[in-house]
Amino acid sequence: TGEEALLLVDQEQPALITLDMYMPGMNGIGVMRHLHEKKNTSPIILLTGSQDEKLLVESLNLGVLEIIGKPVNFDHLALAVRFGLQIKNR
């Protein structure tokens, strides 16, 4: 859930975060809002089947590194993860 994701981030700063747009409880945008308020520096990859332009634009405004549509292309995901980890390590 989104709440569990926030608890995990509080326990240990992850090198990279992968979120689904729609999770039980708090959705991915809600998680990103909380992380943004906490000045999170972990790159975020958002997975979604949504075509809701407002949500996608908001996720970009919250600093998401990459938005990957569903069904997920795992080569694209692997490339985004490698890129995100390189950014984090700079």
Protein backbone atom coordinates (compact mmCIF):
# COMPACT_ATOMS: atom_id res chain seq x y z
CA THR A 1 0.00 0.00 0.00
CA GLY A 2 1.02 3.63 -0.25
CA GLU A 3 1.19 3.91 3.52
CA GLU A 4 3.53 0.90 3.73
CA ALA A 5 5.75 2.45 1.06
CA LEU A 6 6.11 5.63 3.12
CA LEU A 7 6.99 3.63 6.24
CA LEU A 8 9.68 1.76 4.32
CA VAL A 9 11.15 5.00 2.97
CA ASP A 10 11.23 6.41 6.52
CA GLN A 11 13.14 3.35 7.74
CA GLU A 12 15.82 3.41 5.07
CA GLN A 13 16.40 5.86 2.22
CA PRO A 14 16.09 3.68 -0.90
CA ALA A 15 18.34 4.12 -3.92
CA LEU A 16 15.27 4.06 -6.18
CA ILE A 17 11.50 3.88 -5.74
CA THR A 18 9.09 2.13 -8.10
CA LEU A 19 5.43 2.98 -7.52
CA ASP A 20 2.17 1.89 -9.06
CA MET A 21 -0.29 4.71 -9.73
CA TYR A 22 -3.16 2.76 -8.19
CA MET A 23 -2.50 1.00 -4.89
CA PRO A 24 -4.82 0.19 -2.01
CA GLY A 25 -5.26 3.14 0.31
CA MET A 26 -3.03 5.98 -0.87
CA ASN A 27 -2.29 6.04 -4.60
CA GLY A 28 1.08 6.75 -6.20
CA ILE A 29 0.40 10.49 -6.49
CA GLY A 30 -0.35 10.64 -2.75
CA VAL A 31 2.90 8.84 -1.97
CA MET A 32 4.84 11.18 -4.25
CA ARG A 33 3.25 14.23 -2.58
CA HIS A 34 4.41 13.00 0.83
CA LEU A 35 7.87 12.21 -0.48
CA HIS A 36 8.10 15.63 -2.13
CA GLU A 37 7.17 17.32 1.16
CA LYS A 38 9.90 15.31 2.92
CA LYS A 39 12.46 16.39 0.29
CA ASN A 40 12.98 12.83 -0.90
CA THR A 41 16.02 12.46 -3.18
CA SER A 42 15.36 8.92 -4.41
CA PRO A 43 14.49 8.73 -8.11
CA ILE A 44 10.90 7.53 -8.67
CA ILE A 45 9.60 5.35 -11.49
CA LEU A 46 5.82 5.31 -11.85
CA LEU A 47 4.02 2.31 -13.36
CA THR A 48 0.51 2.96 -14.63
CA GLY A 49 -2.20 1.93 -16.99
CA SER A 50 -3.82 5.34 -16.53
CA GLN A 51 -4.35 7.74 -19.39
CA ASP A 52 -5.49 10.49 -16.98
CA GLU A 53 -3.48 13.45 -18.25
CA LYS A 54 -3.99 15.44 -15.03
CA LEU A 55 -2.46 12.66 -12.90
CA LEU A 56 0.40 12.13 -15.32
CA VAL A 57 1.22 15.85 -15.41
CA GLU A 58 1.04 16.04 -11.61
CA SER A 59 3.46 13.13 -11.31
CA LEU A 60 5.89 14.96 -13.62
CA ASN A 61 5.50 18.12 -11.51
CA LEU A 62 6.34 16.05 -8.42
CA GLY A 63 9.62 15.00 -10.04
CA VAL A 64 8.96 11.45 -11.23
CA LEU A 65 11.95 10.17 -13.21
CA GLU A 66 9.97 7.98 -15.61
CA ILE A 67 6.39 6.96 -16.29
CA ILE A 68 6.06 3.47 -17.70
CA GLY A 69 2.74 2.29 -19.09
CA LYS A 70 1.18 -1.08 -18.52
CA PRO A 71 1.65 -3.72 -19.62
CA VAL A 72 5.22 -3.04 -18.51
CA ASN A 73 8.00 -3.46 -21.04
CA PHE A 74 10.69 -4.97 -18.81
CA ASP A 75 13.55 -3.80 -21.03
CA HIS A 76 12.25 -0.23 -20.65
CA LEU A 77 11.91 -0.72 -16.88
CA ALA A 78 15.45 -2.10 -16.60
CA LEU A 79 16.81 0.87 -18.54
CA ALA A 80 14.91 3.32 -16.31
CA VAL A 81 16.22 1.57 -13.18
CA ARG A 82 19.83 1.74 -14.43
CA PHE A 83 19.40 5.42 -15.30
CA GLY A 84 17.80 6.19 -11.93
CA LEU A 85 20.62 4.48 -10.04
CA GLN A 86 23.22 6.41 -12.02
CA ILE A 87 21.48 9.67 -11.10
CA LYS A 88 21.31 8.67 -7.43
CA ASN A 89 25.03 7.83 -7.36
CA ARG A 90 26.12 11.24 -8.67
